[in-house]
Protein backbone atom coordinates (compact mmCIF):
# COMPACT_ATOMS: atom_id res chain seq x y z
CA MET A 1 8.73 121.83 57.36
CA GLN A 2 5.24 121.57 59.25
CA THR A 3 7.18 120.07 62.11
CA TYR A 4 9.84 122.64 62.22
CA ASP A 5 9.28 124.58 65.28
CA GLY A 6 12.07 127.14 64.48
CA LEU A 7 13.65 127.24 67.71
CA ASP A 8 17.27 127.17 66.03
CA LEU A 9 16.88 130.34 64.48
CA VAL A 10 16.51 131.97 67.92
CA ASP A 11 17.88 130.01 70.74
CA ALA A 12 21.49 131.15 71.85
CA THR A 13 22.59 127.83 73.16
CA GLN A 14 22.26 126.75 69.86
CA TYR A 15 24.15 129.54 68.25
CA ALA A 16 26.76 128.83 70.86
CA ARG A 17 27.00 124.87 70.01
CA SER A 18 26.34 124.89 66.25
CA GLY A 19 26.84 128.47 64.80
CA TYR A 20 24.42 130.32 62.17
CA PRO A 21 21.50 127.56 61.06
CA HIS A 22 22.53 127.96 57.69
CA ASP A 23 20.68 124.67 56.89
CA SER A 24 17.35 125.69 58.32
CA TRP A 25 17.48 128.88 56.18
CA ALA A 26 18.31 127.35 53.25
CA ARG A 27 15.42 125.00 53.62
CA LEU A 28 12.91 127.98 54.24
CA ARG A 29 14.35 129.85 51.47
CA ARG A 30 13.37 126.80 49.47
CA GLU A 31 10.18 125.62 50.69
CA ASP A 32 8.71 128.65 53.27
CA PRO A 33 10.65 131.94 52.71
CA LEU A 34 8.09 133.63 55.06
CA ALA A 35 7.05 131.41 57.41
CA TRP A 36 5.22 131.96 60.97
CA PHE A 37 6.69 130.47 64.02
CA GLU A 38 5.91 130.21 67.63
CA PRO A 39 8.86 128.42 69.62
CA GLU A 40 7.93 127.46 73.07
CA GLY A 41 8.61 130.00 75.37
CA TYR A 42 8.74 132.85 72.82
CA ARG A 43 6.25 135.21 70.92
CA GLY A 44 5.44 134.35 67.39
CA PHE A 45 6.98 135.70 64.69
CA TRP A 46 7.81 135.87 60.68
CA ALA A 47 11.04 134.49 59.85
CA VAL A 48 12.12 136.60 56.89
CA THR A 49 14.83 134.80 55.05
CA LYS A 50 14.64 136.33 51.46
CA HIS A 51 17.06 139.08 50.27
CA ALA A 52 14.19 140.78 48.28
CA ASP A 53 11.78 140.26 51.09
CA ILE A 54 14.22 142.33 53.60
CA CYS A 55 14.77 144.89 51.18
CA GLU A 56 11.14 145.59 50.70
CA ILE A 57 10.29 145.57 54.17
CA SER A 58 13.44 147.72 55.36
CA LYS A 59 12.23 150.54 52.73
CA GLN A 60 9.08 151.03 54.20
CA PRO A 61 9.75 152.03 57.76
CA GLU A 62 6.11 153.68 57.81
CA ARG A 63 4.60 150.24 57.33
CA PHE A 64 7.40 148.10 59.52
CA SER A 65 8.23 150.08 62.81
CA SER A 66 11.60 149.49 64.66
CA GLU A 67 10.30 150.68 67.67
CA PRO A 68 8.15 148.05 69.84
CA ARG A 69 10.52 145.20 69.60
CA LEU A 70 14.38 144.96 68.67
CA THR A 71 15.21 141.25 68.66
CA ILE A 72 13.61 137.79 69.15
CA LEU A 73 14.07 136.68 73.02
CA ASP A 74 12.42 134.49 75.14
CA ARG A 75 9.20 135.57 76.90
CA ALA A 76 11.26 135.96 80.40
CA ARG A 77 14.25 138.07 78.79
CA GLU A 78 12.04 139.90 76.82
CA GLN A 79 9.94 141.10 79.75
CA VAL A 80 13.08 142.58 81.48
CA GLU A 81 15.28 143.41 78.47
CA SER A 82 17.01 146.06 80.55
CA ILE A 83 19.17 147.80 78.24
CA GLY A 84 16.69 147.56 75.13
CA SER A 85 13.61 148.55 76.82
CA GLN A 86 15.11 151.74 78.57
CA MET A 87 17.27 153.05 76.14
CA ARG A 88 16.14 155.35 72.75
CA THR A 89 18.53 154.85 70.31
CA ILE A 90 18.62 155.15 66.58
CA VAL A 91 18.45 151.48 66.11
CA ASN A 92 14.79 151.61 67.47
CA MET A 93 13.67 155.03 66.29
CA ASP A 94 11.33 155.37 63.45
CA PRO A 95 11.31 158.51 60.88
CA PRO A 96 11.12 161.49 61.42
CA ASP A 97 13.18 160.96 64.56
CA HIS A 98 15.31 158.60 63.00
CA ARG A 99 16.46 161.15 60.59
CA THR A 100 17.12 163.70 62.75
CA TYR A 101 18.92 161.89 65.42
CA ARG A 102 21.01 160.31 62.83
CA GLY A 103 21.82 163.42 61.00
CA LEU A 104 23.42 164.75 64.35
CA ALA A 105 26.59 162.67 63.69
CA SER A 106 27.20 163.54 60.13
CA PRO A 107 29.43 166.57 60.89
CA TRP A 108 32.04 164.11 62.30
CA PHE A 109 32.44 161.98 59.18
CA THR A 110 33.92 164.51 57.23
CA PRO A 111 36.89 163.14 54.68
CA ARG A 112 39.55 164.90 56.98
CA ASN A 113 38.28 163.13 59.95
CA LEU A 114 38.01 159.49 57.94
CA ARG A 115 41.66 160.11 56.76
CA MET A 116 42.89 160.93 60.47
CA LEU A 117 40.95 157.83 61.56
CA GLU A 118 42.67 155.80 59.17
CA GLU A 119 46.14 156.78 59.94
CA ARG A 120 45.01 155.84 63.48
CA MET A 121 43.87 152.22 62.44
CA VAL A 122 46.92 151.72 60.75
CA GLU A 123 48.98 152.46 63.79
CA SER A 124 46.74 150.03 65.87
CA ALA A 125 46.55 147.32 63.32
CA ARG A 126 50.58 147.22 62.93
CA ALA A 127 51.06 147.51 66.87
CA LEU A 128 48.63 144.41 67.37
CA VAL A 129 50.36 142.54 64.35
CA ASP A 130 53.61 143.35 65.89
CA GLY A 131 52.27 141.60 69.01
CA LEU A 132 51.41 138.49 67.13
CA ALA A 133 55.09 138.43 65.60
CA GLY A 134 56.56 137.93 69.17
CA ASP A 135 60.55 136.76 68.46
CA GLY A 136 59.90 135.95 64.77
CA GLU A 137 59.25 132.37 65.84
CA GLU A 138 55.61 130.42 65.90
CA MET A 139 53.34 132.19 68.40
CA GLU A 140 50.11 130.74 69.91
CA SER A 141 47.27 133.01 70.86
CA ASP A 142 43.44 133.62 70.89
CA PHE A 143 43.09 135.74 67.95
CA VAL A 144 39.86 137.55 69.50
CA PRO A 145 40.76 139.33 73.01
CA THR A 146 44.45 140.06 71.36
CA VAL A 147 43.93 141.11 68.18
CA ALA A 148 39.92 141.18 66.99
CA ALA A 149 38.65 143.04 70.25
CA LEU A 150 41.42 145.49 70.86
CA HIS A 151 41.55 146.89 67.18
CA PRO A 152 37.77 148.13 67.07
CA LEU A 153 37.97 149.10 70.73
CA ARG A 154 41.06 151.50 70.23
CA LEU A 155 39.32 152.92 67.30
CA ILE A 156 36.14 153.44 68.65
CA ALA A 157 37.51 154.95 72.09
CA HIS A 158 39.68 157.30 70.05
CA LEU A 159 36.59 158.24 67.82
CA PHE A 160 34.89 159.14 71.20
CA GLY A 161 37.92 160.94 72.71
CA LEU A 162 38.06 158.29 75.78
CA ASP A 163 41.36 157.87 77.50
CA GLU A 164 42.95 154.41 77.47
CA ALA A 165 42.08 153.90 81.11
CA ASP A 166 38.45 153.76 80.08
CA GLU A 167 39.11 150.94 77.48
CA PRO A 168 38.66 147.94 79.79
CA PHE A 169 35.47 149.03 81.39
CA VAL A 170 34.21 149.27 77.63
CA LEU A 171 35.35 146.15 76.61
CA GLN A 172 33.75 144.11 79.68
CA ALA A 173 30.27 146.20 79.64
CA THR A 174 30.15 145.27 75.77
CA ASN A 175 30.80 141.64 76.37
CA GLN A 176 27.97 141.62 79.16
CA MET A 177 25.40 143.48 76.91
CA PHE A 178 25.73 141.32 73.59
CA GLY A 179 26.76 138.25 75.93
CA ALA A 180 23.83 138.41 78.03
CA GLN A 181 22.89 135.14 77.39
CA ASP A 182 26.38 133.48 77.12
CA PRO A 183 27.58 132.03 80.69
CA GLU A 184 31.16 133.27 79.99
CA PHE A 185 30.00 137.09 80.06
CA GLN A 186 26.62 137.02 81.74
CA ARG A 187 26.75 138.95 84.74
CA GLU A 188 25.80 137.15 88.25
CA GLY A 189 22.38 137.55 89.64
CA ALA A 190 18.64 137.46 88.51
CA VAL A 191 18.45 138.62 84.76
CA GLU A 192 16.30 141.73 86.10
CA GLU A 193 19.00 142.90 88.71
CA ALA A 194 22.00 142.12 86.23
CA GLY A 195 20.54 143.97 83.31
CA ALA A 196 19.80 146.98 85.54
CA ALA A 197 23.04 147.24 87.09
CA LEU A 198 24.71 147.14 83.88
CA ARG A 199 22.40 149.45 82.27
CA ASP A 200 22.85 151.99 85.61
CA GLU A 201 26.90 151.72 85.19
CA PHE A 202 26.56 152.45 81.03
CA PHE A 203 24.61 155.78 81.96
CA ALA A 204 26.79 156.78 84.55
CA PHE A 205 30.11 156.36 82.52
CA PHE A 206 28.25 158.08 79.66
CA ALA A 207 26.97 161.27 81.76
CA ARG A 208 30.40 161.67 83.02
CA VAL A 209 31.70 161.63 79.29
CA ALA A 210 28.69 164.12 78.44
CA ARG A 211 29.25 166.40 81.08
CA GLU A 212 33.00 166.48 80.38
CA ARG A 213 32.43 167.25 76.58
CA ARG A 214 30.04 169.98 77.51
CA GLU A 215 32.61 171.74 79.85
CA ARG A 216 35.67 170.90 77.61
CA PRO A 217 34.65 170.34 73.85
CA GLY A 218 36.85 168.69 71.52
CA ASP A 219 36.60 167.54 67.92
CA ASP A 220 35.71 163.93 68.82
CA LEU A 221 32.00 162.63 68.10
CA ALA A 222 31.23 162.52 71.89
CA SER A 223 31.68 166.19 71.98
CA ILE A 224 29.81 166.78 68.80
CA LEU A 225 26.78 164.89 70.16
CA ALA A 226 27.21 166.74 73.74
CA GLY A 227 26.88 170.08 71.95
CA ALA A 228 23.86 169.14 69.48
CA GLU A 229 20.39 170.60 69.52
CA ILE A 230 17.14 169.73 67.95
CA ASP A 231 14.78 172.48 67.59
CA GLY A 232 17.06 174.59 69.45
CA LYS A 233 17.34 172.69 72.29
CA PRO A 234 20.07 170.18 73.95
CA ILE A 235 19.55 166.52 73.02
CA PRO A 236 17.37 164.76 75.90
CA GLU A 237 19.77 163.13 78.28
CA LEU A 238 18.21 159.56 77.81
CA GLU A 239 18.61 159.99 74.01
CA LEU A 240 22.09 161.29 74.28
CA LEU A 241 23.29 158.58 76.69
CA SER A 242 21.48 155.77 74.33
CA TYR A 243 23.33 157.48 71.32
CA TYR A 244 26.99 157.02 73.10
CA LEU A 245 25.80 153.64 73.97
CA ILE A 246 24.68 152.30 70.85
CA VAL A 247 27.43 153.81 68.67
CA LEU A 248 30.41 152.64 71.34
CA THR A 249 29.47 149.18 72.19
CA ALA A 250 27.85 148.11 68.48
CA GLY A 251 30.61 149.76 66.87
CA HIS A 252 33.02 147.68 68.79
CA GLU A 253 31.60 144.31 69.18
CA THR A 254 29.86 144.03 65.37
CA THR A 255 33.42 144.78 64.07
CA ARG A 256 35.14 142.18 66.42
CA ASN A 257 33.16 139.37 65.31
CA ALA A 258 33.56 140.04 61.57
CA LEU A 259 37.48 140.04 62.11
CA SER A 260 37.51 137.00 64.37
CA GLY A 261 35.40 135.14 61.62
CA GLY A 262 36.96 136.55 58.96
CA LEU A 263 40.22 135.37 60.00
CA LEU A 264 38.53 131.73 60.53
CA ALA A 265 37.13 131.83 57.10
CA LEU A 266 40.73 132.67 55.50
CA ILE A 267 42.32 129.59 57.77
CA GLU A 268 39.60 127.52 56.53
CA HIS A 269 39.80 128.63 52.60
CA PRO A 270 43.40 128.79 52.21
CA VAL A 271 43.06 129.10 48.34
CA GLU A 272 41.51 132.65 49.28
CA LEU A 273 44.15 133.35 51.71
CA ALA A 274 46.62 132.65 48.98
CA LYS A 275 44.87 135.03 46.58
CA LEU A 276 45.34 137.63 49.31
CA ARG A 277 48.95 137.06 49.66
CA GLU A 278 49.53 137.46 46.35
CA ASP A 279 47.39 140.39 45.49
CA ILE A 280 46.78 142.52 48.87
CA GLY A 281 44.72 144.89 46.76
CA LEU A 282 41.75 142.55 47.08
CA ALA A 283 41.45 143.59 50.92
CA ALA A 284 38.95 146.08 50.18
CA SER A 285 36.69 143.54 48.59
CA ALA A 286 37.73 140.74 51.13
CA ALA A 287 36.68 143.17 53.70
CA ASP A 288 33.09 143.10 52.11
CA GLU A 289 33.12 139.45 51.74
CA ILE A 290 33.85 138.88 55.48
CA VAL A 291 31.14 141.05 56.14
CA ARG A 292 28.64 139.06 54.04
CA TRP A 293 30.23 135.44 55.28
CA THR A 294 30.09 136.45 58.93
CA THR A 295 27.01 138.71 59.15
CA PRO A 296 27.58 140.00 62.69
CA VAL A 297 24.26 141.64 63.16
CA ASN A 298 22.25 138.35 62.36
CA HIS A 299 18.46 139.75 62.89
CA PHE A 300 16.61 142.98 63.78
CA VAL A 301 12.59 142.76 64.13
CA ARG A 302 10.39 145.11 62.35
CA THR A 303 6.93 145.08 63.71
CA ALA A 304 3.84 145.84 61.22
CA THR A 305 1.82 148.89 61.63
CA GLU A 306 -0.98 147.79 59.20
CA ASP A 307 -2.18 144.81 57.40
CA TYR A 308 0.30 143.99 54.72
CA GLU A 309 0.52 141.22 52.07
CA LEU A 310 3.77 139.36 51.08
CA ARG A 311 4.48 136.15 49.26
CA GLY A 312 0.80 135.62 49.39
CA GLN A 313 0.83 135.63 53.55
CA LYS A 314 -1.39 138.29 55.14
CA ILE A 315 0.84 139.61 57.63
CA ARG A 316 -1.61 141.40 60.41
CA ALA A 317 -0.98 144.97 62.05
CA GLY A 318 1.02 144.27 65.37
CA ASP A 319 2.83 140.94 63.79
CA SER A 320 6.76 140.73 64.45
CA LEU A 321 9.03 140.33 61.31
CA ALA A 322 12.51 138.89 62.09
CA LEU A 323 14.61 140.00 59.15
CA PHE A 324 17.44 137.19 59.15
CA TYR A 325 20.29 138.96 57.31
CA ALA A 326 22.73 136.17 57.39
CA SER A 327 20.44 134.08 55.45
CA ALA A 328 19.51 136.94 53.18
CA ASN A 329 23.70 136.63 52.73
CA ARG A 330 23.34 133.25 51.28
CA ASP A 331 20.44 134.02 49.32
CA GLU A 332 20.91 131.67 46.02
CA GLU A 333 18.84 134.13 43.97
CA ILE A 334 21.15 137.15 44.63
CA PHE A 335 24.63 135.42 45.13
CA ASP A 336 26.62 133.44 42.66
CA ASP A 337 27.77 130.13 44.76
CA PRO A 338 26.64 131.85 47.93
CA PHE A 339 28.26 129.14 50.08
CA ALA A 340 31.70 129.72 48.77
CA PHE A 341 33.92 132.44 50.47
CA ARG A 342 35.56 134.17 47.90
CA VAL A 343 37.68 137.42 48.50
CA ASP A 344 37.49 138.96 45.14
CA ARG A 345 33.54 138.47 44.89
CA SER A 346 31.92 141.15 42.88
CA PRO A 347 28.99 142.06 42.71
CA ASN A 348 28.39 141.65 46.33
CA PRO A 349 25.24 143.26 47.54
CA HIS A 350 25.04 141.90 50.73
CA LEU A 351 22.95 143.05 53.51
CA GLY A 352 25.44 142.90 56.27
CA PHE A 353 24.92 146.53 56.98
CA GLY A 354 21.22 146.48 56.43
CA ILE A 355 19.48 148.45 53.98
CA GLY A 356 17.24 151.68 53.81
CA GLU A 357 16.66 153.69 56.52
CA HIS A 358 18.70 151.83 59.24
CA PHE A 359 21.70 151.27 57.18
CA CYS A 360 24.67 151.13 59.57
CA LEU A 361 25.75 154.59 60.35
CA GLY A 362 29.37 153.35 60.98
CA ALA A 363 29.52 150.98 57.83
CA THR A 364 32.56 153.03 56.11
CA LEU A 365 34.59 152.85 59.18
CA ALA A 366 33.88 149.03 59.65
CA ARG A 367 35.04 148.61 56.33
CA MET A 368 38.14 150.28 56.75
CA GLU A 369 39.13 148.77 60.04
CA ILE A 370 38.92 145.32 58.51
CA ARG A 371 40.71 146.22 55.51
CA VAL A 372 43.44 147.94 57.26
CA LEU A 373 43.91 144.88 59.52
CA LEU A 374 44.04 142.56 56.47
CA GLU A 375 46.58 144.88 54.82
CA GLU A 376 49.05 144.90 58.08
CA LEU A 377 48.30 141.17 59.15
CA ILE A 378 48.46 139.58 55.32
CA PRO A 379 51.58 140.34 53.76
CA ARG A 380 53.64 139.47 57.00
CA LEU A 381 51.84 136.46 57.62
CA GLU A 382 54.09 132.95 56.96
CA SER A 383 51.89 130.49 58.16
CA ILE A 384 48.64 130.15 60.47
CA GLU A 385 46.59 127.03 61.74
CA LEU A 386 44.11 126.71 64.36
CA VAL A 387 45.22 125.03 67.68
CA GLY A 388 41.73 124.26 69.20
CA GLU A 389 38.08 124.90 68.45
CA PRO A 390 36.59 127.81 67.96
CA ARG A 391 33.91 128.93 70.44
CA ARG A 392 31.21 130.96 69.37
CA LEU A 393 29.02 133.38 71.48
CA ALA A 394 25.69 132.51 72.95
CA SER A 395 23.43 134.92 71.13
CA SER A 396 21.00 134.73 67.84
CA PHE A 397 20.93 138.78 67.69
CA VAL A 398 24.95 139.79 67.36
CA GLY A 399 26.81 136.38 66.91
CA GLY A 400 30.04 135.36 66.14
CA VAL A 401 33.54 133.57 67.31
CA LYS A 402 34.49 134.56 70.86
CA HIS A 403 37.54 132.41 71.07
CA LEU A 404 39.91 131.58 68.26
CA PRO A 405 43.17 129.75 69.38
CA ILE A 406 45.99 130.13 66.57
CA ARG A 407 49.28 129.25 65.99
CA CYS A 408 51.07 131.64 63.58
CA ARG A 409 54.26 132.85 62.17
CA ILE A 410 54.48 136.47 61.69
CA ARG A 411 57.38 138.23 59.57
CA HIS A 412 59.09 141.10 61.27
CA PRO A 413 58.58 144.46 59.49
CA ARG A 414 61.71 145.79 58.06
CA ARG A 415 63.38 148.80 59.96
CA ASP A 416 65.02 150.86 57.78
């Protein structure tokens, strides 16, 4: 391990080429679970690879701050991380602000709204599966743009009360935000100019949404946030627009990657696919296993606010710690046979939604979206196979399959 520089943990091109570096994480968990790295071109960081350590750090936001550094980027990109450095979202807030702002969205997440949203999810999933069915013969398609991207996009747009005409902008801008290092999605021009342009487009779009919701409020989440107050005053514009951006984009991108990676896992594990066919009641546990297996949010960074000792290592105030959730989700001390994909895995204490102060606000919705799509797709799926190599996103932050070429036969639904 002494000659290992940790570059494959953070280099976007290696994620695109080889996927998540599970072999390296397994070695680190076994030999050096809290390792300090300074890859060429990067500021130094502690690689936190064990489930228990991530939990310990995440439950102490007063000692490990979310604010100064959100992800591990090379020095050049870190200097001009236009979206992250010029937003103030619940993702990079610490208490007490984090709890205050997180609580603003809670009035929307009522049982009634969730039931109504699930009805919309079923409609979306059924229509997308109908599209895959075609004329009942075998169909070839790229599952990501035709299903995995559209299902969460439609749901998150509905949650915000957006028009269907807005969806292409949201999709393109989200691709460019999370695919900023991917040649397929990155904008033309210098990194600084491209990032600034994307930020400005996002904020102009969300400023219009906020203005419309204040003038004509509805029962959507965008209206609730536009009308929310803190200490008797409206949310500051920067925080409001940042709130819109992170919920809309992160809620879409992560679920898309879970769906695409989840279908790939089912194709590669036909025994597990057969289990789902035989008992679609396993869709809920399968959804959680898909999140564990894919871990769409690969890492976040925390910054030590004081000296701290962990595993005999002295962490200094100001040090960065990269919490590799995807590694924790293969931790041999936590999961039985962690490199096996099991749709009926139980218990499943994965960290795919984080833990502690920053547990994912949309975790319930994400689970529902995945479960509902499985419930609509699997009972009608007669055959499925890959017809090309899956292609992965060039990102060490939010990773996943960006293209999944498949051939499938989908049974038409009965029309009574």
